[in-house]
Amino acid sequence: MNASELRDFGPFVQECAKRGIKKTRAYALASSGLLETDYVGKTRIVYLDSLLSLPQRLKAEGRKEAA
């Protein structure tokens, strides 16, 4: 794996909360595939590029949901 393949990530619920996304909504977005998550051990993480691009992707889909 080279450095260009590494992605920044953070704790799922905490990173979403920093951006105003509550826990229930965060899990709904993840289960619908709009947020890319994974696990490190037992901790669920979110890829920050997925989280930061969420508003643009929702807008492109024509969704009215607030992220």
N, C-alpha and C. Protein backbone atom coordinates (compact mmCIF):
# COMPACT_ATOMS: atom_id res chain seq x y z
N MET A 1 0.87 -1.17 0.00
CA MET A 1 0.00 0.00 0.00
C MET A 1 0.91 1.23 0.00
N ASN A 2 0.64 2.17 -0.90
CA ASN A 2 1.44 3.38 -0.89
C ASN A 2 0.66 4.52 -0.23
N ALA A 3 1.34 5.63 -0.02
CA ALA A 3 0.75 6.75 0.73
C ALA A 3 -0.50 7.31 0.05
N SER A 4 -0.61 7.23 -1.26
CA SER A 4 -1.78 7.78 -1.96
C SER A 4 -3.04 6.96 -1.71
N GLU A 5 -2.88 5.73 -1.19
CA GLU A 5 -4.03 4.88 -0.90
C GLU A 5 -4.55 5.06 0.52
N LEU A 6 -3.83 5.80 1.35
CA LEU A 6 -4.25 6.00 2.74
C LEU A 6 -5.32 7.08 2.80
N ARG A 7 -6.33 6.85 3.63
CA ARG A 7 -7.42 7.80 3.78
C ARG A 7 -7.55 8.17 5.25
N ASP A 8 -7.90 9.44 5.49
CA ASP A 8 -8.13 9.87 6.87
C ASP A 8 -9.47 9.34 7.35
N PHE A 9 -9.53 9.03 8.62
CA PHE A 9 -10.76 8.53 9.22
C PHE A 9 -10.82 8.98 10.66
N GLY A 10 -12.00 8.83 11.25
CA GLY A 10 -12.19 9.17 12.65
C GLY A 10 -13.32 8.36 13.23
N PRO A 11 -13.53 8.44 14.54
CA PRO A 11 -14.63 7.72 15.18
C PRO A 11 -15.96 8.16 14.58
N PHE A 12 -16.75 7.21 14.18
CA PHE A 12 -17.98 7.45 13.42
C PHE A 12 -18.93 8.46 14.06
N VAL A 13 -19.43 8.16 15.23
CA VAL A 13 -20.44 9.01 15.86
C VAL A 13 -19.86 10.39 16.20
N GLN A 14 -18.64 10.43 16.71
CA GLN A 14 -18.03 11.69 17.10
C GLN A 14 -17.79 12.60 15.90
N GLU A 15 -17.29 12.06 14.80
CA GLU A 15 -17.03 12.88 13.61
C GLU A 15 -18.34 13.40 13.02
N CYS A 16 -19.36 12.58 13.02
CA CYS A 16 -20.67 13.02 12.52
C CYS A 16 -21.23 14.12 13.42
N ALA A 17 -21.11 13.94 14.73
CA ALA A 17 -21.62 14.93 15.68
C ALA A 17 -20.93 16.28 15.51
N LYS A 18 -19.64 16.27 15.21
CA LYS A 18 -18.90 17.52 14.98
C LYS A 18 -19.52 18.32 13.84
N ARG A 19 -20.18 17.62 12.93
CA ARG A 19 -20.75 18.26 11.75
C ARG A 19 -22.27 18.38 11.82
N GLY A 20 -22.81 18.17 13.03
CA GLY A 20 -24.23 18.38 13.25
C GLY A 20 -25.13 17.22 12.86
N ILE A 21 -24.56 16.05 12.64
CA ILE A 21 -25.34 14.87 12.28
C ILE A 21 -25.52 14.03 13.54
N LYS A 22 -26.77 13.87 13.95
CA LYS A 22 -27.04 13.09 15.16
C LYS A 22 -26.87 11.60 14.90
N LYS A 23 -26.74 10.86 15.98
CA LYS A 23 -26.40 9.44 15.94
C LYS A 23 -27.36 8.62 15.06
N THR A 24 -28.65 8.77 15.26
CA THR A 24 -29.63 7.99 14.50
C THR A 24 -29.53 8.29 13.02
N ARG A 25 -29.40 9.57 12.68
CA ARG A 25 -29.28 9.98 11.28
C ARG A 25 -27.98 9.47 10.67
N ALA A 26 -26.91 9.50 11.45
CA ALA A 26 -25.61 9.01 10.97
C ALA A 26 -25.69 7.53 10.60
N TYR A 27 -26.32 6.74 11.46
CA TYR A 27 -26.46 5.31 11.17
C TYR A 27 -27.36 5.09 9.95
N ALA A 28 -28.38 5.89 9.78
CA ALA A 28 -29.26 5.77 8.60
C ALA A 28 -28.48 6.09 7.33
N LEU A 29 -27.66 7.14 7.37
CA LEU A 29 -26.85 7.51 6.20
C LEU A 29 -25.84 6.40 5.88
N ALA A 30 -25.25 5.81 6.90
CA ALA A 30 -24.29 4.73 6.68
C ALA A 30 -24.97 3.49 6.11
N SER A 31 -26.13 3.15 6.64
CA SER A 31 -26.81 1.94 6.15
C SER A 31 -27.34 2.12 4.73
N SER A 32 -27.59 3.37 4.33
CA SER A 32 -28.04 3.61 2.96
C SER A 32 -26.87 3.71 1.99
N GLY A 33 -25.65 3.66 2.51
CA GLY A 33 -24.47 3.70 1.67
C GLY A 33 -23.95 5.10 1.37
N LEU A 34 -24.55 6.11 1.98
CA LEU A 34 -24.12 7.48 1.73
C LEU A 34 -22.89 7.87 2.53
N LEU A 35 -22.62 7.17 3.61
CA LEU A 35 -21.40 7.37 4.38
C LEU A 35 -20.61 6.07 4.36
N GLU A 36 -19.34 6.18 4.04
CA GLU A 36 -18.48 5.00 3.99
C GLU A 36 -17.84 4.79 5.35
N THR A 37 -18.15 3.65 5.96
CA THR A 37 -17.63 3.33 7.28
C THR A 37 -16.93 1.98 7.25
N ASP A 38 -16.21 1.71 8.31
CA ASP A 38 -15.51 0.44 8.46
C ASP A 38 -15.28 0.24 9.96
N TYR A 39 -14.60 -0.81 10.31
CA TYR A 39 -14.28 -1.07 11.71
C TYR A 39 -12.79 -1.19 11.90
N VAL A 40 -12.31 -0.64 13.00
CA VAL A 40 -10.95 -0.86 13.47
C VAL A 40 -11.14 -1.51 14.83
N GLY A 41 -10.93 -2.80 14.87
CA GLY A 41 -11.27 -3.56 16.08
C GLY A 41 -12.78 -3.52 16.25
N LYS A 42 -13.23 -3.05 17.41
CA LYS A 42 -14.67 -2.93 17.68
C LYS A 42 -15.19 -1.53 17.42
N THR A 43 -14.30 -0.62 17.03
CA THR A 43 -14.68 0.78 16.85
C THR A 43 -15.08 1.05 15.41
N ARG A 44 -16.27 1.60 15.22
CA ARG A 44 -16.71 1.97 13.88
C ARG A 44 -16.11 3.33 13.52
N ILE A 45 -15.53 3.39 12.33
CA ILE A 45 -14.91 4.63 11.87
C ILE A 45 -15.62 5.10 10.60
N VAL A 46 -15.49 6.38 10.30
CA VAL A 46 -16.02 6.94 9.07
C VAL A 46 -14.84 7.54 8.32
N TYR A 47 -14.83 7.35 7.01
CA TYR A 47 -13.80 7.97 6.18
C TYR A 47 -14.19 9.42 5.99
N LEU A 48 -13.26 10.33 6.34
CA LEU A 48 -13.57 11.75 6.36
C LEU A 48 -13.90 12.31 4.98
N ASP A 49 -13.30 11.77 3.93
CA ASP A 49 -13.65 12.26 2.60
C ASP A 49 -15.10 11.94 2.27
N SER A 50 -15.59 10.81 2.72
CA SER A 50 -16.99 10.45 2.53
C SER A 50 -17.91 11.38 3.31
N LEU A 51 -17.51 11.70 4.53
CA LEU A 51 -18.31 12.58 5.39
C LEU A 51 -18.31 14.02 4.86
N LEU A 52 -17.15 14.50 4.46
CA LEU A 52 -17.05 15.89 4.00
C LEU A 52 -17.72 16.12 2.65
N SER A 53 -17.80 15.10 1.82
CA SER A 53 -18.44 15.25 0.51
C SER A 53 -19.94 14.96 0.56
N LEU A 54 -20.45 14.58 1.71
CA LEU A 54 -21.87 14.21 1.85
C LEU A 54 -22.83 15.32 1.40
N PRO A 55 -22.67 16.57 1.82
CA PRO A 55 -23.63 17.60 1.39
C PRO A 55 -23.69 17.76 -0.13
N GLN A 56 -22.53 17.70 -0.80
CA GLN A 56 -22.50 17.84 -2.25
C GLN A 56 -23.18 16.64 -2.93
N ARG A 57 -22.94 15.44 -2.39
CA ARG A 57 -23.55 14.25 -2.98
C ARG A 57 -25.06 14.25 -2.79
N LEU A 58 -25.53 14.70 -1.61
CA LEU A 58 -26.97 14.80 -1.39
C LEU A 58 -27.60 15.81 -2.34
N LYS A 59 -26.92 16.93 -2.52
CA LYS A 59 -27.42 17.96 -3.42
C LYS A 59 -27.47 17.46 -4.86
N ALA A 60 -26.44 16.73 -5.27
CA ALA A 60 -26.38 16.19 -6.63
C ALA A 60 -27.51 15.18 -6.88
N GLU A 61 -27.90 14.47 -5.83
CA GLU A 61 -29.00 13.51 -5.95
C GLU A 61 -30.35 14.19 -5.85
N GLY A 62 -30.35 15.47 -5.53
CA GLY A 62 -31.61 16.19 -5.40
C GLY A 62 -32.34 15.92 -4.10
N ARG A 63 -31.63 15.40 -3.13
CA ARG A 63 -32.24 15.11 -1.83
C ARG A 63 -32.33 16.37 -1.01
N LYS A 64 -33.37 16.47 -0.23
CA LYS A 64 -33.58 17.64 0.61
C LYS A 64 -33.10 17.41 2.03
N GLU A 65 -32.53 16.22 2.30
CA GLU A 65 -32.12 15.88 3.66
C GLU A 65 -30.97 16.76 4.09
N ALA A 66 -31.02 17.19 5.31
CA ALA A 66 -29.90 17.95 5.87
C ALA A 66 -28.86 16.98 6.37
N ALA A 67 -27.63 17.28 6.09
CA ALA A 67 -26.55 16.41 6.57
C ALA A 67 -25.81 17.10 7.68
